[in-house]
Amino acid sequence: MKALLRRALGTPLALLLALVAACGSSLPLPPTGPHLPSEPAVVVPYPPPPARAEIIAPPDKPGLVWIDGEWQWRSRRWAWLPGRWEPAPPGAYFAPATTVRRADGSLVWFAGLWHVPGKK
């Protein structure tokens, strides 16, 4: 009886562990790094809303990396730019969008962008 019960409980547990392992696959992400002091910063009156949850479709072709969606400042409001698959430029890193409070109290936003070595 104990063996039958153990086998009955073990099967759902094994299935659950297999599902968790299958869901644990990772996305190909770009190398990330900081924004440069020379980049233009946009002064904004308030921070962006929380990020949106997105369903990520498989890439159209191999070798692409996933860039998360981000809020962008457009004139007088925040607008959502959905996540996307992009090719990573060789040797480059991606600086994700960020909002920073400066020492003077101003709030500035930097757009997400690629930094390619040797390019300004």
C-alpha atoms as a PDB file:
ATOM      1  CA  MET A   1       0.000   0.000   0.000  1.00  0.00           C
ATOM      2  CA  LYS A   2       2.812   2.437   0.892  1.00  0.00           C
ATOM      3  CA  ALA A   3       4.581   1.698  -2.398  1.00  0.00           C
ATOM      4  CA  LEU A   4       1.389   2.386  -4.350  1.00  0.00           C
ATOM      5  CA  LEU A   5       0.837   5.659  -2.486  1.00  0.00           C
ATOM      6  CA  ARG A   6       4.487   6.673  -2.977  1.00  0.00           C
ATOM      7  CA  ARG A   7       4.260   5.947  -6.715  1.00  0.00           C
ATOM      8  CA  ALA A   8       0.968   7.870  -7.023  1.00  0.00           C
ATOM      9  CA  LEU A   9       2.433  10.909  -5.262  1.00  0.00           C
ATOM     10  CA  GLY A  10       5.786  10.662  -7.043  1.00  0.00           C
ATOM     11  CA  THR A  11       4.312  10.966 -10.532  1.00  0.00           C
ATOM     12  CA  PRO A  12       2.675  14.389 -10.021  1.00  0.00           C
ATOM     13  CA  LEU A  13       5.791  15.589  -8.220  1.00  0.00           C
ATOM     14  CA  ALA A  14       8.009  14.461 -11.093  1.00  0.00           C
ATOM     15  CA  LEU A  15       5.670  16.155 -13.570  1.00  0.00           C
ATOM     16  CA  LEU A  16       5.725  19.368 -11.549  1.00  0.00           C
ATOM     17  CA  LEU A  17       9.526  19.339 -11.376  1.00  0.00           C
ATOM     18  CA  ALA A  18       9.740  18.753 -15.141  1.00  0.00           C
ATOM     19  CA  LEU A  19       7.411  21.696 -15.793  1.00  0.00           C
ATOM     20  CA  VAL A  20       9.375  23.978 -13.494  1.00  0.00           C
ATOM     21  CA  ALA A  21      12.614  23.009 -15.232  1.00  0.00           C
ATOM     22  CA  ALA A  22      11.064  23.644 -18.657  1.00  0.00           C
ATOM     23  CA  CYS A  23       9.898  27.100 -17.563  1.00  0.00           C
ATOM     24  CA  GLY A  24      13.337  27.957 -16.274  1.00  0.00           C
ATOM     25  CA  SER A  25      14.908  28.464 -19.675  1.00  0.00           C
ATOM     26  CA  SER A  26      16.558  31.839 -20.033  1.00  0.00           C
ATOM     27  CA  LEU A  27      16.277  34.442 -22.750  1.00  0.00           C
ATOM     28  CA  PRO A  28      19.306  35.452 -24.765  1.00  0.00           C
ATOM     29  CA  LEU A  29      20.010  38.905 -23.336  1.00  0.00           C
ATOM     30  CA  PRO A  30      22.537  41.498 -24.486  1.00  0.00           C
ATOM     31  CA  PRO A  31      25.528  42.468 -22.392  1.00  0.00           C
ATOM     32  CA  THR A  32      24.530  45.572 -20.440  1.00  0.00           C
ATOM     33  CA  GLY A  33      26.458  48.571 -19.172  1.00  0.00           C
ATOM     34  CA  PRO A  34      26.123  52.172 -18.030  1.00  0.00           C
ATOM     35  CA  HIS A  35      25.024  55.269 -19.868  1.00  0.00           C
ATOM     36  CA  LEU A  36      27.843  57.652 -20.721  1.00  0.00           C
ATOM     37  CA  PRO A  37      28.130  61.139 -19.187  1.00  0.00           C
ATOM     38  CA  SER A  38      28.065  62.605 -22.707  1.00  0.00           C
ATOM     39  CA  GLU A  39      24.604  61.144 -23.464  1.00  0.00           C
ATOM     40  CA  PRO A  40      21.674  63.532 -23.631  1.00  0.00           C
ATOM     41  CA  ALA A  41      19.439  63.400 -20.572  1.00  0.00           C
ATOM     42  CA  VAL A  42      15.811  64.485 -20.744  1.00  0.00           C
ATOM     43  CA  VAL A  43      14.475  66.324 -17.696  1.00  0.00           C
ATOM     44  CA  VAL A  44      11.095  64.809 -16.774  1.00  0.00           C
ATOM     45  CA  PRO A  45       8.529  66.021 -14.215  1.00  0.00           C
ATOM     46  CA  TYR A  46       7.732  62.594 -12.760  1.00  0.00           C
ATOM     47  CA  PRO A  47       9.038  58.996 -12.984  1.00  0.00           C
ATOM     48  CA  PRO A  48       7.620  56.453 -15.441  1.00  0.00           C
ATOM     49  CA  PRO A  49       4.909  53.967 -14.439  1.00  0.00           C
ATOM     50  CA  PRO A  50       5.915  50.405 -13.529  1.00  0.00           C
ATOM     51  CA  ALA A  51       7.051  48.232 -16.434  1.00  0.00           C
ATOM     52  CA  ARG A  52       4.405  46.249 -18.266  1.00  0.00           C
ATOM     53  CA  ALA A  53       4.337  42.465 -18.326  1.00  0.00           C
ATOM     54  CA  GLU A  54       4.837  41.127 -21.832  1.00  0.00           C
ATOM     55  CA  ILE A  55       4.450  37.786 -23.531  1.00  0.00           C
ATOM     56  CA  ILE A  56       7.672  37.052 -25.356  1.00  0.00           C
ATOM     57  CA  ALA A  57       7.306  35.305 -28.691  1.00  0.00           C
ATOM     58  CA  PRO A  58      10.223  33.217 -29.972  1.00  0.00           C
ATOM     59  CA  PRO A  59      12.748  35.116 -32.133  1.00  0.00           C
ATOM     60  CA  ASP A  60      12.255  35.156 -35.910  1.00  0.00           C
ATOM     61  CA  LYS A  61      15.824  34.033 -36.524  1.00  0.00           C
ATOM     62  CA  PRO A  62      18.780  32.779 -34.482  1.00  0.00           C
ATOM     63  CA  GLY A  63      21.371  35.106 -32.985  1.00  0.00           C
ATOM     64  CA  LEU A  64      18.963  37.777 -31.729  1.00  0.00           C
ATOM     65  CA  VAL A  65      18.868  39.104 -28.150  1.00  0.00           C
ATOM     66  CA  TRP A  66      15.831  40.250 -26.185  1.00  0.00           C
ATOM     67  CA  ILE A  67      15.540  43.954 -25.322  1.00  0.00           C
ATOM     68  CA  ASP A  68      12.952  44.561 -22.579  1.00  0.00           C
ATOM     69  CA  GLY A  69      10.118  47.010 -23.173  1.00  0.00           C
ATOM     70  CA  GLU A  70      10.566  50.461 -21.696  1.00  0.00           C
ATOM     71  CA  TRP A  71       8.727  53.663 -20.981  1.00  0.00           C
ATOM     72  CA  GLN A  72       9.873  56.558 -23.171  1.00  0.00           C
ATOM     73  CA  TRP A  73       9.260  60.242 -22.545  1.00  0.00           C
ATOM     74  CA  ARG A  74       7.331  61.752 -25.473  1.00  0.00           C
ATOM     75  CA  SER A  75       6.763  65.516 -25.172  1.00  0.00           C
ATOM     76  CA  ARG A  76       4.619  65.601 -22.020  1.00  0.00           C
ATOM     77  CA  ARG A  77       3.829  61.968 -21.235  1.00  0.00           C
ATOM     78  CA  TRP A  78       5.244  58.461 -20.908  1.00  0.00           C
ATOM     79  CA  ALA A  79       4.644  56.062 -23.820  1.00  0.00           C
ATOM     80  CA  TRP A  80       5.345  52.312 -23.720  1.00  0.00           C
ATOM     81  CA  LEU A  81       7.810  50.862 -26.248  1.00  0.00           C
ATOM     82  CA  PRO A  82       7.244  47.068 -26.322  1.00  0.00           C
ATOM     83  CA  GLY A  83      10.125  44.640 -25.921  1.00  0.00           C
ATOM     84  CA  ARG A  84      11.758  43.347 -29.075  1.00  0.00           C
ATOM     85  CA  TRP A  85      14.303  40.974 -30.557  1.00  0.00           C
ATOM     86  CA  GLU A  86      17.401  42.697 -32.004  1.00  0.00           C
ATOM     87  CA  PRO A  87      20.784  41.673 -33.336  1.00  0.00           C
ATOM     88  CA  ALA A  88      23.572  42.687 -30.948  1.00  0.00           C
ATOM     89  CA  PRO A  89      26.241  44.800 -32.669  1.00  0.00           C
ATOM     90  CA  PRO A  90      29.647  43.084 -32.363  1.00  0.00           C
ATOM     91  CA  GLY A  91      31.474  44.131 -29.182  1.00  0.00           C
ATOM     92  CA  ALA A  92      28.626  46.432 -28.101  1.00  0.00           C
ATOM     93  CA  TYR A  93      26.660  46.628 -24.871  1.00  0.00           C
ATOM     94  CA  PHE A  94      23.126  47.833 -24.222  1.00  0.00           C
ATOM     95  CA  ALA A  95      22.430  50.599 -21.693  1.00  0.00           C
ATOM     96  CA  PRO A  96      18.805  50.074 -20.557  1.00  0.00           C
ATOM     97  CA  ALA A  97      16.468  53.028 -20.127  1.00  0.00           C
ATOM     98  CA  THR A  98      16.761  54.577 -16.697  1.00  0.00           C
ATOM     99  CA  THR A  99      15.479  57.505 -14.668  1.00  0.00           C
ATOM    100  CA  VAL A 100      17.874  59.213 -12.251  1.00  0.00           C
ATOM    101  CA  ARG A 101      17.386  61.840  -9.537  1.00  0.00           C
ATOM    102  CA  ARG A 102      20.278  64.308  -9.709  1.00  0.00           C
ATOM    103  CA  ALA A 103      21.873  66.056  -6.742  1.00  0.00           C
ATOM    104  CA  ASP A 104      19.984  69.277  -7.583  1.00  0.00           C
ATOM    105  CA  GLY A 105      16.666  67.374  -7.260  1.00  0.00           C
ATOM    106  CA  SER A 106      15.890  67.230 -10.986  1.00  0.00           C
ATOM    107  CA  LEU A 107      14.683  63.957 -12.464  1.00  0.00           C
ATOM    108  CA  VAL A 108      16.290  62.913 -15.753  1.00  0.00           C
ATOM    109  CA  TRP A 109      15.586  60.047 -18.134  1.00  0.00           C
ATOM    110  CA  PHE A 110      18.023  58.248 -20.430  1.00  0.00           C
ATOM    111  CA  ALA A 111      16.662  56.189 -23.330  1.00  0.00           C
ATOM    112  CA  GLY A 112      17.822  52.612 -23.793  1.00  0.00           C
ATOM    113  CA  LEU A 113      20.516  52.406 -26.453  1.00  0.00           C
ATOM    114  CA  TRP A 114      23.465  50.427 -27.782  1.00  0.00           C
ATOM    115  CA  HIS A 115      27.050  51.532 -27.111  1.00  0.00           C
ATOM    116  CA  VAL A 116      29.276  50.352 -29.938  1.00  0.00           C
ATOM    117  CA  PRO A 117      33.051  50.631 -29.403  1.00  0.00           C
ATOM    118  CA  GLY A 118      34.624  53.306 -31.584  1.00  0.00           C
ATOM    119  CA  LYS A 119      31.288  54.999 -32.342  1.00  0.00           C
ATOM    120  CA  LYS A 120      30.090  58.233 -30.729  1.00  0.00           C
END
